[in-house]
Amino acid sequence: MDYIIEVNHQRIKTNGIWLHVAEKGTGPLVLLLHGFPELWYAWRHQINHLAENGYHVVAPDLRGYGDSDSPLNPNSYTIFHIVGDLVGLLDHFGQQKKAYVVGHDWGAVAGWHLSLFRPDRVIGLVNLSVPYFPRSPTTKTTEAIRELYGDGTHVIQFQEPGRAERAFARYDYTTVMKKFLLITDNMIAPPDMEFIDFLDTKSALPAWLTEEDIRVFAEKFEESGFTGPFNYYRAMDLSWELLAPWQGSKITVPVKFMIGDKDFGFKSDGRSEYVLGDDFRSLVPNLEVVVIGGHHFIEQENPQEVSSQILSFLREHPVDQ
């Protein structure tokens, strides 16, 4: 595929580890942050579109993913480690002032917290699929998720070291990627069933995803495994403890938030009411919400709409503002 060849690959030392990044274009810096279980390649369409429109696009493999380092200790995956990596990337590219940040899923979590901790480094934030939630002052993240959804969610099943690794190992990597990227509905497994077993394996790929795309993801995860990505979930409660000083803090940078109208996370448990309501806006005062067609992985499923929404936001918030 041409766009793989056209991207510049390099590894950058940041925050004590090496991160692999894919890079293209010149102009203001745009950082694209992928989610679970993805890689820089999830942004293949946006990288081309933004580079062609005058931006310097940098899409890292986040720590634990792809060709980036994968520390062994789950405690090395707190939101502070992830944001620290990103600040180091901004420093590397000479952006001592500010950059644009675009995040999806866990990348959105990283984008929210980079904007929370270091608003001085962010011109504007475009986040996909995962909104910013208030921190509970009393209940750890996994406890709150267990109270809401029980033990059948991926978040809970990923907590125990080795459990999800063993369950995933029963499938080839191509099948695992298909199961996740093509999630369309309920994400809660019944009692005593492993989450990966619960997910469907679709017999045919939709038009937006090719066998070659699946192979790019599968081959990298075959090399690196899934423990690094699982460790993001295993560090959630530690992040919750460390975030206490930011209790009640607001995201002050300009934000566009996009979510798919068929995303399970939008359709379930009053999530749409939260995303479209006043509570979300009270935490993110400078917020625009856009609901677009698609499921969870909208940057891949609906790339033209996502790319054009990102570009319009960047142009509304020029660097010299």
C-alpha atoms as a PDB file:
ATOM      1  CA  MET A   1       0.000   0.000   0.000  1.00  0.00           C
ATOM      2  CA  ASP A   2       1.448   3.339  -1.062  1.00  0.00           C
ATOM      3  CA  TYR A   3       0.646   5.217   2.103  1.00  0.00           C
ATOM      4  CA  ILE A   4       2.715   2.828   4.218  1.00  0.00           C
ATOM      5  CA  ILE A   5       5.736   3.495   1.992  1.00  0.00           C
ATOM      6  CA  GLU A   6       5.156   7.254   2.075  1.00  0.00           C
ATOM      7  CA  VAL A   7       5.220   7.495   5.874  1.00  0.00           C
ATOM      8  CA  ASN A   8       8.515   8.212   7.611  1.00  0.00           C
ATOM      9  CA  HIS A   9       9.196   5.788  10.482  1.00  0.00           C
ATOM     10  CA  GLN A  10      11.495   6.521  13.402  1.00  0.00           C
ATOM     11  CA  ARG A  11      11.993   5.652  17.056  1.00  0.00           C
ATOM     12  CA  ILE A  12      12.255   8.504  19.557  1.00  0.00           C
ATOM     13  CA  LYS A  13      13.609   8.413  23.117  1.00  0.00           C
ATOM     14  CA  THR A  14      11.074   9.917  25.500  1.00  0.00           C
ATOM     15  CA  ASN A  15      10.381   9.540  29.200  1.00  0.00           C
ATOM     16  CA  GLY A  16      12.954   6.740  29.538  1.00  0.00           C
ATOM     17  CA  ILE A  17      11.597   4.546  26.716  1.00  0.00           C
ATOM     18  CA  TRP A  18      11.684   4.399  22.908  1.00  0.00           C
ATOM     19  CA  LEU A  19       8.493   5.177  21.004  1.00  0.00           C
ATOM     20  CA  HIS A  20       7.977   4.331  17.359  1.00  0.00           C
ATOM     21  CA  VAL A  21       6.258   7.046  15.346  1.00  0.00           C
ATOM     22  CA  ALA A  22       4.926   7.334  11.815  1.00  0.00           C
ATOM     23  CA  GLU A  23       5.347  10.831  10.432  1.00  0.00           C
ATOM     24  CA  LYS A  24       4.243  12.723   7.342  1.00  0.00           C
ATOM     25  CA  GLY A  25       3.882  16.290   6.097  1.00  0.00           C
ATOM     26  CA  THR A  26       5.101  19.720   7.140  1.00  0.00           C
ATOM     27  CA  GLY A  27       3.383  22.508   9.031  1.00  0.00           C
ATOM     28  CA  PRO A  28       1.760  22.737  12.468  1.00  0.00           C
ATOM     29  CA  LEU A  29       2.169  19.540  14.484  1.00  0.00           C
ATOM     30  CA  VAL A  30      -0.808  17.193  14.859  1.00  0.00           C
ATOM     31  CA  LEU A  31      -0.397  14.262  17.255  1.00  0.00           C
ATOM     32  CA  LEU A  32      -2.653  11.261  16.479  1.00  0.00           C
ATOM     33  CA  LEU A  33      -3.155   8.853  19.407  1.00  0.00           C
ATOM     34  CA  HIS A  34      -4.576   5.378  18.767  1.00  0.00           C
ATOM     35  CA  GLY A  35      -6.649   3.173  21.067  1.00  0.00           C
ATOM     36  CA  PHE A  36      -7.026  -0.513  21.963  1.00  0.00           C
ATOM     37  CA  PRO A  37      -6.190  -2.750  20.164  1.00  0.00           C
ATOM     38  CA  GLU A  38      -4.702  -0.562  17.452  1.00  0.00           C
ATOM     39  CA  LEU A  39      -1.451   0.990  16.217  1.00  0.00           C
ATOM     40  CA  TRP A  40      -0.367   4.141  14.393  1.00  0.00           C
ATOM     41  CA  TYR A  41      -1.855   2.437  11.319  1.00  0.00           C
ATOM     42  CA  ALA A  42      -5.396   3.056  12.607  1.00  0.00           C
ATOM     43  CA  TRP A  43      -4.885   6.667  11.451  1.00  0.00           C
ATOM     44  CA  ARG A  44      -3.729   5.753   7.912  1.00  0.00           C
ATOM     45  CA  HIS A  45      -6.517   7.756   6.249  1.00  0.00           C
ATOM     46  CA  GLN A  46      -6.168  10.816   8.486  1.00  0.00           C
ATOM     47  CA  ILE A  47      -2.371  10.885   8.149  1.00  0.00           C
ATOM     48  CA  ASN A  48      -2.637  11.314   4.394  1.00  0.00           C
ATOM     49  CA  HIS A  49      -5.518  13.782   4.518  1.00  0.00           C
ATOM     50  CA  LEU A  50      -3.970  16.075   7.123  1.00  0.00           C
ATOM     51  CA  ALA A  51      -0.490  15.954   5.569  1.00  0.00           C
ATOM     52  CA  GLU A  52      -1.941  16.878   2.181  1.00  0.00           C
ATOM     53  CA  ASN A  53      -3.650  19.870   3.807  1.00  0.00           C
ATOM     54  CA  GLY A  54      -0.564  21.412   5.325  1.00  0.00           C
ATOM     55  CA  TYR A  55       0.034  19.687   8.665  1.00  0.00           C
ATOM     56  CA  HIS A  56       2.963  17.800  10.183  1.00  0.00           C
ATOM     57  CA  VAL A  57       1.315  14.575  11.334  1.00  0.00           C
ATOM     58  CA  VAL A  58       2.906  12.323  13.957  1.00  0.00           C
ATOM     59  CA  ALA A  59       1.183   9.043  14.901  1.00  0.00           C
ATOM     60  CA  PRO A  60       3.014   7.063  17.598  1.00  0.00           C
ATOM     61  CA  ASP A  61       2.606   3.487  18.659  1.00  0.00           C
ATOM     62  CA  LEU A  62       1.826   4.223  22.316  1.00  0.00           C
ATOM     63  CA  ARG A  63       3.950   2.496  24.953  1.00  0.00           C
ATOM     64  CA  GLY A  64       3.289  -1.249  24.985  1.00  0.00           C
ATOM     65  CA  TYR A  65       2.230  -1.296  21.330  1.00  0.00           C
ATOM     66  CA  GLY A  66       3.823  -2.188  18.016  1.00  0.00           C
ATOM     67  CA  ASP A  67       7.423  -1.109  17.614  1.00  0.00           C
ATOM     68  CA  SER A  68       7.458   0.987  20.804  1.00  0.00           C
ATOM     69  CA  ASP A  69       8.953  -0.260  24.068  1.00  0.00           C
ATOM     70  CA  SER A  70       6.712  -2.325  26.305  1.00  0.00           C
ATOM     71  CA  PRO A  71       7.725  -2.072  29.993  1.00  0.00           C
ATOM     72  CA  LEU A  72       6.947  -5.235  31.932  1.00  0.00           C
ATOM     73  CA  ASN A  73       5.512  -3.683  35.097  1.00  0.00           C
ATOM     74  CA  PRO A  74       1.786  -2.839  34.875  1.00  0.00           C
ATOM     75  CA  ASN A  75       2.464   0.152  37.135  1.00  0.00           C
ATOM     76  CA  SER A  76       4.419   1.684  34.229  1.00  0.00           C
ATOM     77  CA  TYR A  77       1.167   2.300  32.341  1.00  0.00           C
ATOM     78  CA  THR A  78      -0.526   4.971  34.437  1.00  0.00           C
ATOM     79  CA  ILE A  79      -1.988   7.966  32.658  1.00  0.00           C
ATOM     80  CA  PHE A  80       1.011   9.932  33.946  1.00  0.00           C
ATOM     81  CA  HIS A  81       3.451   7.639  32.121  1.00  0.00           C
ATOM     82  CA  ILE A  82       1.448   7.912  28.904  1.00  0.00           C
ATOM     83  CA  VAL A  83       1.144  11.709  29.078  1.00  0.00           C
ATOM     84  CA  GLY A  84       4.837  11.939  29.990  1.00  0.00           C
ATOM     85  CA  ASP A  85       5.664  10.055  26.786  1.00  0.00           C
ATOM     86  CA  LEU A  86       3.619  12.545  24.774  1.00  0.00           C
ATOM     87  CA  VAL A  87       5.200  15.634  26.336  1.00  0.00           C
ATOM     88  CA  GLY A  88       8.577  14.115  25.438  1.00  0.00           C
ATOM     89  CA  LEU A  89       7.417  13.690  21.841  1.00  0.00           C
ATOM     90  CA  LEU A  90       6.302  17.314  21.679  1.00  0.00           C
ATOM     91  CA  ASP A  91       9.693  18.381  23.023  1.00  0.00           C
ATOM     92  CA  HIS A  92      11.479  16.213  20.447  1.00  0.00           C
ATOM     93  CA  PHE A  93       9.651  17.870  17.565  1.00  0.00           C
ATOM     94  CA  GLY A  94      10.526  21.321  18.866  1.00  0.00           C
ATOM     95  CA  GLN A  95       6.980  22.176  19.830  1.00  0.00           C
ATOM     96  CA  GLN A  96       7.933  23.965  23.021  1.00  0.00           C
ATOM     97  CA  LYS A  97       4.683  25.868  22.788  1.00  0.00           C
ATOM     98  CA  LYS A  98       1.667  23.957  21.520  1.00  0.00           C
ATOM     99  CA  ALA A  99       0.393  21.224  19.183  1.00  0.00           C
ATOM    100  CA  TYR A 100      -2.945  19.815  18.080  1.00  0.00           C
ATOM    101  CA  VAL A 101      -3.925  16.496  19.647  1.00  0.00           C
ATOM    102  CA  VAL A 102      -6.334  13.904  18.233  1.00  0.00           C
ATOM    103  CA  GLY A 103      -7.172  10.763  20.209  1.00  0.00           C
ATOM    104  CA  HIS A 104      -9.355   7.677  19.906  1.00  0.00           C
ATOM    105  CA  ASP A 105     -10.344   5.272  22.723  1.00  0.00           C
ATOM    106  CA  TRP A 106      -7.288   5.002  25.051  1.00  0.00           C
ATOM    107  CA  GLY A 107      -5.692   7.666  22.874  1.00  0.00           C
ATOM    108  CA  ALA A 108      -8.654   9.880  23.771  1.00  0.00           C
ATOM    109  CA  VAL A 109      -8.011   9.207  27.474  1.00  0.00           C
ATOM    110  CA  ALA A 110      -4.401  10.265  26.869  1.00  0.00           C
ATOM    111  CA  GLY A 111      -5.581  13.378  25.016  1.00  0.00           C
ATOM    112  CA  TRP A 112      -7.974  14.364  27.804  1.00  0.00           C
ATOM    113  CA  HIS A 113      -5.251  14.100  30.423  1.00  0.00           C
ATOM    114  CA  LEU A 114      -2.528  15.770  28.365  1.00  0.00           C
ATOM    115  CA  SER A 115      -4.969  18.673  28.032  1.00  0.00           C
ATOM    116  CA  LEU A 116      -5.776  18.499  31.757  1.00  0.00           C
ATOM    117  CA  PHE A 117      -2.156  18.405  32.957  1.00  0.00           C
ATOM    118  CA  ARG A 118      -0.514  20.570  30.306  1.00  0.00           C
ATOM    119  CA  PRO A 119      -3.018  22.872  28.597  1.00  0.00           C
ATOM    120  CA  ASP A 120      -0.025  25.072  27.780  1.00  0.00           C
ATOM    121  CA  ARG A 121       1.037  22.427  25.217  1.00  0.00           C
ATOM    122  CA  VAL A 122      -2.311  21.897  23.456  1.00  0.00           C
ATOM    123  CA  ILE A 123      -3.821  24.264  20.869  1.00  0.00           C
ATOM    124  CA  GLY A 124      -6.927  22.146  20.609  1.00  0.00           C
ATOM    125  CA  LEU A 125      -8.121  18.582  21.139  1.00  0.00           C
ATOM    126  CA  VAL A 126     -10.211  16.334  18.892  1.00  0.00           C
ATOM    127  CA  ASN A 127     -11.279  13.165  20.704  1.00  0.00           C
ATOM    128  CA  LEU A 128     -13.165  10.160  19.406  1.00  0.00           C
ATOM    129  CA  SER A 129     -15.400   7.577  21.095  1.00  0.00           C
ATOM    130  CA  VAL A 130     -14.407   7.999  24.779  1.00  0.00           C
ATOM    131  CA  PRO A 131     -15.699  11.137  26.563  1.00  0.00           C
ATOM    132  CA  TYR A 132     -14.124  12.754  29.596  1.00  0.00           C
ATOM    133  CA  PHE A 133     -15.682  11.423  32.798  1.00  0.00           C
ATOM    134  CA  PRO A 134     -15.528  12.991  36.242  1.00  0.00           C
ATOM    135  CA  ARG A 135     -13.313  11.175  38.736  1.00  0.00           C
ATOM    136  CA  SER A 136     -15.258   9.564  41.554  1.00  0.00           C
ATOM    137  CA  PRO A 137     -13.853  10.846  44.846  1.00  0.00           C
ATOM    138  CA  THR A 138     -14.692   7.576  46.619  1.00  0.00           C
ATOM    139  CA  THR A 139     -14.833   4.650  44.181  1.00  0.00           C
ATOM    140  CA  LYS A 140     -11.912   3.158  42.270  1.00  0.00           C
ATOM    141  CA  THR A 141     -12.370   2.934  38.517  1.00  0.00           C
ATOM    142  CA  THR A 142     -12.604  -0.856  38.311  1.00  0.00           C
ATOM    143  CA  GLU A 143     -15.027  -0.977  41.248  1.00  0.00           C
ATOM    144  CA  ALA A 144     -17.286   1.539  39.526  1.00  0.00           C
ATOM    145  CA  ILE A 145     -17.166  -0.459  36.265  1.00  0.00           C
ATOM    146  CA  ARG A 146     -17.885  -3.703  38.096  1.00  0.00           C
ATOM    147  CA  GLU A 147     -20.871  -2.106  39.848  1.00  0.00           C
ATOM    148  CA  LEU A 148     -22.239  -0.921  36.488  1.00  0.00           C
ATOM    149  CA  TYR A 149     -21.540  -3.927  34.274  1.00  0.00           C
ATOM    150  CA  GLY A 150     -20.551  -6.909  36.420  1.00  0.00           C
ATOM    151  CA  ASP A 151     -17.562  -9.153  35.752  1.00  0.00           C
ATOM    152  CA  GLY A 152     -18.208  -9.698  32.043  1.00  0.00           C
ATOM    153  CA  THR A 153     -16.555  -6.552  30.691  1.00  0.00           C
ATOM    154  CA  HIS A 154     -13.132  -6.531  29.101  1.00  0.00           C
ATOM    155  CA  VAL A 155     -11.956  -3.961  31.691  1.00  0.00           C
ATOM    156  CA  ILE A 156     -12.550  -6.398  34.552  1.00  0.00           C
ATOM    157  CA  GLN A 157     -11.347  -9.499  32.727  1.00  0.00           C
ATOM    158  CA  PHE A 158      -8.100  -7.768  31.723  1.00  0.00           C
ATOM    159  CA  GLN A 159      -7.192  -7.019  35.373  1.00  0.00           C
ATOM    160  CA  GLU A 160      -5.709 -10.382  36.341  1.00  0.00           C
ATOM    161  CA  PRO A 161      -2.207 -10.813  34.876  1.00  0.00           C
ATOM    162  CA  GLY A 162      -2.131 -13.742  32.460  1.00  0.00           C
ATOM    163  CA  ARG A 163      -5.872 -14.347  32.243  1.00  0.00           C
ATOM    164  CA  ALA A 164      -6.606 -12.417  29.051  1.00  0.00           C
ATOM    165  CA  GLU A 165      -3.266 -13.493  27.561  1.00  0.00           C
ATOM    166  CA  ARG A 166      -4.282 -17.145  27.932  1.00  0.00           C
ATOM    167  CA  ALA A 167      -7.769 -16.522  26.536  1.00  0.00           C
ATOM    168  CA  PHE A 168      -6.494 -14.568  23.521  1.00  0.00           C
ATOM    169  CA  ALA A 169      -3.865 -17.247  22.820  1.00  0.00           C
ATOM    170  CA  ARG A 170      -6.607 -19.667  21.781  1.00  0.00           C
ATOM    171  CA  TYR A 171      -7.085 -17.595  18.614  1.00  0.00           C
ATOM    172  CA  ASP A 172      -4.755 -16.544  15.838  1.00  0.00           C
ATOM    173  CA  TYR A 173      -3.964 -12.835  15.740  1.00  0.00           C
ATOM    174  CA  THR A 174      -5.997 -12.224  12.590  1.00  0.00           C
ATOM    175  CA  THR A 175      -9.112 -13.566  14.314  1.00  0.00           C
ATOM    176  CA  VAL A 176      -8.494 -11.467  17.436  1.00  0.00           C
ATOM    177  CA  MET A 177      -8.236  -8.300  15.327  1.00  0.00           C
ATOM    178  CA  LYS A 178     -11.412  -9.114  13.420  1.00  0.00           C
ATOM    179  CA  LYS A 179     -13.290  -9.785  16.655  1.00  0.00           C
ATOM    180  CA  PHE A 180     -12.372  -6.372  18.087  1.00  0.00           C
ATOM    181  CA  LEU A 181     -12.432  -4.094  15.062  1.00  0.00           C
ATOM    182  CA  LEU A 182     -15.845  -5.401  14.025  1.00  0.00           C
ATOM    183  CA  ILE A 183     -17.592  -5.116  17.408  1.00  0.00           C
ATOM    184  CA  THR A 184     -21.094  -3.873  16.707  1.00  0.00           C
ATOM    185  CA  ASP A 185     -23.117  -4.626  19.809  1.00  0.00           C
ATOM    186  CA  ASN A 186     -23.091  -5.746  23.416  1.00  0.00           C
ATOM    187  CA  MET A 187     -19.648  -5.726  25.024  1.00  0.00           C
ATOM    188  CA  ILE A 188     -20.552  -7.602  28.209  1.00  0.00           C
ATOM    189  CA  ALA A 189     -19.904 -11.330  28.277  1.00  0.00           C
ATOM    190  CA  PRO A 190     -22.189 -13.612  30.280  1.00  0.00           C
ATOM    191  CA  PRO A 191     -20.947 -15.039  33.595  1.00  0.00           C
ATOM    192  CA  ASP A 192     -18.117 -17.592  33.371  1.00  0.00           C
ATOM    193  CA  MET A 193     -17.327 -16.740  29.751  1.00  0.00           C
ATOM    194  CA  GLU A 194     -14.123 -15.150  28.523  1.00  0.00           C
ATOM    195  CA  PHE A 195     -14.696 -11.837  26.765  1.00  0.00           C
ATOM    196  CA  ILE A 196     -12.707 -12.838  23.670  1.00  0.00           C
ATOM    197  CA  ASP A 197     -14.842 -16.003  23.321  1.00  0.00           C
ATOM    198  CA  PHE A 198     -17.991 -13.902  23.550  1.00  0.00           C
ATOM    199  CA  LEU A 199     -17.072 -11.643  20.622  1.00  0.00           C
ATOM    200  CA  ASP A 200     -18.318 -12.684  17.202  1.00  0.00           C
ATOM    201  CA  THR A 201     -15.968 -13.534  14.377  1.00  0.00           C
ATOM    202  CA  LYS A 202     -17.578 -12.052  11.296  1.00  0.00           C
ATOM    203  CA  SER A 203     -17.490 -14.222   8.187  1.00  0.00           C
ATOM    204  CA  ALA A 204     -16.911 -11.277   5.845  1.00  0.00           C
ATOM    205  CA  LEU A 205     -15.169  -7.932   6.197  1.00  0.00           C
ATOM    206  CA  PRO A 206     -17.057  -4.663   5.643  1.00  0.00           C
ATOM    207  CA  ALA A 207     -15.995  -2.373   2.805  1.00  0.00           C
ATOM    208  CA  TRP A 208     -13.945  -0.127   5.089  1.00  0.00           C
ATOM    209  CA  LEU A 209     -11.580  -2.874   6.270  1.00  0.00           C
ATOM    210  CA  THR A 210      -9.384  -5.059   4.053  1.00  0.00           C
ATOM    211  CA  GLU A 211      -7.553  -8.306   4.731  1.00  0.00           C
ATOM    212  CA  GLU A 212      -4.340  -6.329   4.230  1.00  0.00           C
ATOM    213  CA  ASP A 213      -5.372  -3.890   6.984  1.00  0.00           C
ATOM    214  CA  ILE A 214      -6.062  -6.786   9.335  1.00  0.00           C
ATOM    215  CA  ARG A 215      -2.709  -8.334   8.458  1.00  0.00           C
ATOM    216  CA  VAL A 216      -0.803  -5.134   9.332  1.00  0.00           C
ATOM    217  CA  PHE A 217      -2.328  -5.147  12.829  1.00  0.00           C
ATOM    218  CA  ALA A 218      -2.084  -8.915  13.315  1.00  0.00           C
ATOM    219  CA  GLU A 219       1.587  -9.167  12.357  1.00  0.00           C
ATOM    220  CA  LYS A 220       2.591  -6.414  14.796  1.00  0.00           C
ATOM    221  CA  PHE A 221       0.588  -7.878  17.685  1.00  0.00           C
ATOM    222  CA  GLU A 222       2.077 -11.279  16.916  1.00  0.00           C
ATOM    223  CA  GLU A 223       5.510  -9.694  17.479  1.00  0.00           C
ATOM    224  CA  SER A 224       4.654  -7.626  20.554  1.00  0.00           C
ATOM    225  CA  GLY A 225       1.775  -9.522  22.186  1.00  0.00           C
ATOM    226  CA  PHE A 226      -1.105  -7.985  24.105  1.00  0.00           C
ATOM    227  CA  THR A 227       0.348  -7.674  27.609  1.00  0.00           C
ATOM    228  CA  GLY A 228       1.408  -4.038  27.091  1.00  0.00           C
ATOM    229  CA  PRO A 229      -2.094  -3.025  25.980  1.00  0.00           C
ATOM    230  CA  PHE A 230      -3.681  -5.020  28.833  1.00  0.00           C
ATOM    231  CA  ASN A 231      -1.447  -3.158  31.284  1.00  0.00           C
ATOM    232  CA  TYR A 232      -3.298   0.088  30.526  1.00  0.00           C
ATOM    233  CA  TYR A 233      -6.330  -1.529  32.157  1.00  0.00           C
ATOM    234  CA  ARG A 234      -4.270  -2.991  34.992  1.00  0.00           C
ATOM    235  CA  ALA A 235      -2.989   0.485  35.891  1.00  0.00           C
ATOM    236  CA  MET A 236      -6.456   2.110  35.950  1.00  0.00           C
ATOM    237  CA  ASP A 237      -6.890   2.026  39.719  1.00  0.00           C
ATOM    238  CA  LEU A 238      -3.377   3.342  40.308  1.00  0.00           C
ATOM    239  CA  SER A 239      -4.135   6.198  37.904  1.00  0.00           C
ATOM    240  CA  TRP A 240      -7.352   6.839  39.821  1.00  0.00           C
ATOM    241  CA  GLU A 241      -5.377   7.197  43.078  1.00  0.00           C
ATOM    242  CA  LEU A 242      -2.794   9.490  41.498  1.00  0.00           C
ATOM    243  CA  LEU A 243      -5.458  11.709  39.919  1.00  0.00           C
ATOM    244  CA  ALA A 244      -6.889  12.805  43.288  1.00  0.00           C
ATOM    245  CA  PRO A 245      -5.247  16.269  43.120  1.00  0.00           C
ATOM    246  CA  TRP A 246      -7.172  16.990  39.910  1.00  0.00           C
ATOM    247  CA  GLN A 247     -10.535  16.144  41.463  1.00  0.00           C
ATOM    248  CA  GLY A 248     -13.183  18.326  39.794  1.00  0.00           C
ATOM    249  CA  SER A 249     -10.726  19.956  37.378  1.00  0.00           C
ATOM    250  CA  LYS A 250     -11.961  21.072  33.977  1.00  0.00           C
ATOM    251  CA  ILE A 251     -10.543  20.614  30.477  1.00  0.00           C
ATOM    252  CA  THR A 252     -10.028  24.206  29.358  1.00  0.00           C
ATOM    253  CA  VAL A 253      -8.636  23.809  25.816  1.00  0.00           C
ATOM    254  CA  PRO A 254     -10.985  23.914  22.787  1.00  0.00           C
ATOM    255  CA  VAL A 255     -12.408  20.419  22.144  1.00  0.00           C
ATOM    256  CA  LYS A 256     -14.338  18.677  19.400  1.00  0.00           C
ATOM    257  CA  PHE A 257     -15.701  15.299  20.503  1.00  0.00           C
ATOM    258  CA  MET A 258     -16.909  12.754  17.951  1.00  0.00           C
ATOM    259  CA  ILE A 259     -18.737   9.490  18.576  1.00  0.00           C
ATOM    260  CA  GLY A 260     -20.384   6.918  16.329  1.00  0.00           C
ATOM    261  CA  ASP A 261     -24.165   6.755  16.491  1.00  0.00           C
ATOM    262  CA  LYS A 262     -23.947   2.942  16.697  1.00  0.00           C
ATOM    263  CA  ASP A 263     -21.074   2.784  19.207  1.00  0.00           C
ATOM    264  CA  PHE A 264     -22.073   0.479  22.075  1.00  0.00           C
ATOM    265  CA  GLY A 265     -20.498   3.009  24.432  1.00  0.00           C
ATOM    266  CA  PHE A 266     -22.880   5.677  23.121  1.00  0.00           C
ATOM    267  CA  LYS A 267     -26.032   3.588  23.112  1.00  0.00           C
ATOM    268  CA  SER A 268     -25.745   2.017  26.573  1.00  0.00           C
ATOM    269  CA  ASP A 269     -26.464   3.108  30.152  1.00  0.00           C
ATOM    270  CA  GLY A 270     -27.397   6.714  29.553  1.00  0.00           C
ATOM    271  CA  ARG A 271     -24.079   7.446  27.849  1.00  0.00           C
ATOM    272  CA  SER A 272     -25.710   9.387  25.010  1.00  0.00           C
ATOM    273  CA  GLU A 273     -27.509  11.585  27.538  1.00  0.00           C
ATOM    274  CA  TYR A 274     -24.178  12.311  29.225  1.00  0.00           C
ATOM    275  CA  VAL A 275     -22.364  13.070  25.963  1.00  0.00           C
ATOM    276  CA  LEU A 276     -25.126  15.368  24.721  1.00  0.00           C
ATOM    277  CA  GLY A 277     -25.966  16.877  28.117  1.00  0.00           C
ATOM    278  CA  ASP A 278     -24.797  19.567  30.503  1.00  0.00           C
ATOM    279  CA  ASP A 279     -22.607  17.446  32.814  1.00  0.00           C
ATOM    280  CA  PHE A 280     -20.056  16.747  30.071  1.00  0.00           C
ATOM    281  CA  ARG A 281     -20.022  20.437  29.109  1.00  0.00           C
ATOM    282  CA  SER A 282     -19.554  21.497  32.707  1.00  0.00           C
ATOM    283  CA  LEU A 283     -16.248  19.576  32.744  1.00  0.00           C
ATOM    284  CA  VAL A 284     -15.269  20.584  29.191  1.00  0.00           C
ATOM    285  CA  PRO A 285     -16.598  24.137  28.797  1.00  0.00           C
ATOM    286  CA  ASN A 286     -15.182  24.786  25.308  1.00  0.00           C
ATOM    287  CA  LEU A 287     -16.823  21.723  23.737  1.00  0.00           C
ATOM    288  CA  GLU A 288     -18.411  20.810  20.411  1.00  0.00           C
ATOM    289  CA  VAL A 289     -20.044  17.364  20.144  1.00  0.00           C
ATOM    290  CA  VAL A 290     -20.517  15.657  16.772  1.00  0.00           C
ATOM    291  CA  VAL A 291     -22.365  12.348  16.360  1.00  0.00           C
ATOM    292  CA  ILE A 292     -21.423  10.636  13.103  1.00  0.00           C
ATOM    293  CA  GLY A 293     -22.364   7.382  11.407  1.00  0.00           C
ATOM    294  CA  GLY A 294     -20.461   4.363  12.640  1.00  0.00           C
ATOM    295  CA  HIS A 295     -19.546   2.083  15.511  1.00  0.00           C
ATOM    296  CA  HIS A 296     -16.502   2.372  17.793  1.00  0.00           C
ATOM    297  CA  PHE A 297     -13.578   2.537  15.380  1.00  0.00           C
ATOM    298  CA  ILE A 298     -14.934   5.514  13.462  1.00  0.00           C
ATOM    299  CA  GLU A 299     -11.572   6.828  12.274  1.00  0.00           C
ATOM    300  CA  GLN A 300     -11.314   3.634  10.217  1.00  0.00           C
ATOM    301  CA  GLU A 301     -14.993   2.982   9.499  1.00  0.00           C
ATOM    302  CA  ASN A 302     -15.948   6.528   8.482  1.00  0.00           C
ATOM    303  CA  PRO A 303     -12.566   8.058   7.584  1.00  0.00           C
ATOM    304  CA  GLN A 304     -13.707  10.815   5.229  1.00  0.00           C
ATOM    305  CA  GLU A 305     -16.136  12.289   7.742  1.00  0.00           C
ATOM    306  CA  VAL A 306     -13.655  12.002  10.620  1.00  0.00           C
ATOM    307  CA  SER A 307     -10.845  13.527   8.547  1.00  0.00           C
ATOM    308  CA  SER A 308     -12.963  16.454   7.385  1.00  0.00           C
ATOM    309  CA  GLN A 309     -14.210  17.089  10.949  1.00  0.00           C
ATOM    310  CA  ILE A 310     -10.635  17.127  12.246  1.00  0.00           C
ATOM    311  CA  LEU A 311      -9.475  19.445   9.464  1.00  0.00           C
ATOM    312  CA  SER A 312     -12.332  21.900  10.027  1.00  0.00           C
ATOM    313  CA  PHE A 313     -11.468  22.041  13.742  1.00  0.00           C
ATOM    314  CA  LEU A 314      -7.773  22.681  13.045  1.00  0.00           C
ATOM    315  CA  ARG A 315      -8.660  25.511  10.675  1.00  0.00           C
ATOM    316  CA  GLU A 316     -11.035  27.034  13.232  1.00  0.00           C
ATOM    317  CA  HIS A 317      -8.182  27.131  15.759  1.00  0.00           C
ATOM    318  CA  PRO A 318      -5.099  28.388  13.914  1.00  0.00           C
ATOM    319  CA  VAL A 319      -1.695  28.142  15.588  1.00  0.00           C
ATOM    320  CA  ASP A 320      -1.134  31.882  15.875  1.00  0.00           C
ATOM    321  CA  GLN A 321      -4.446  32.443  17.640  1.00  0.00           C
END
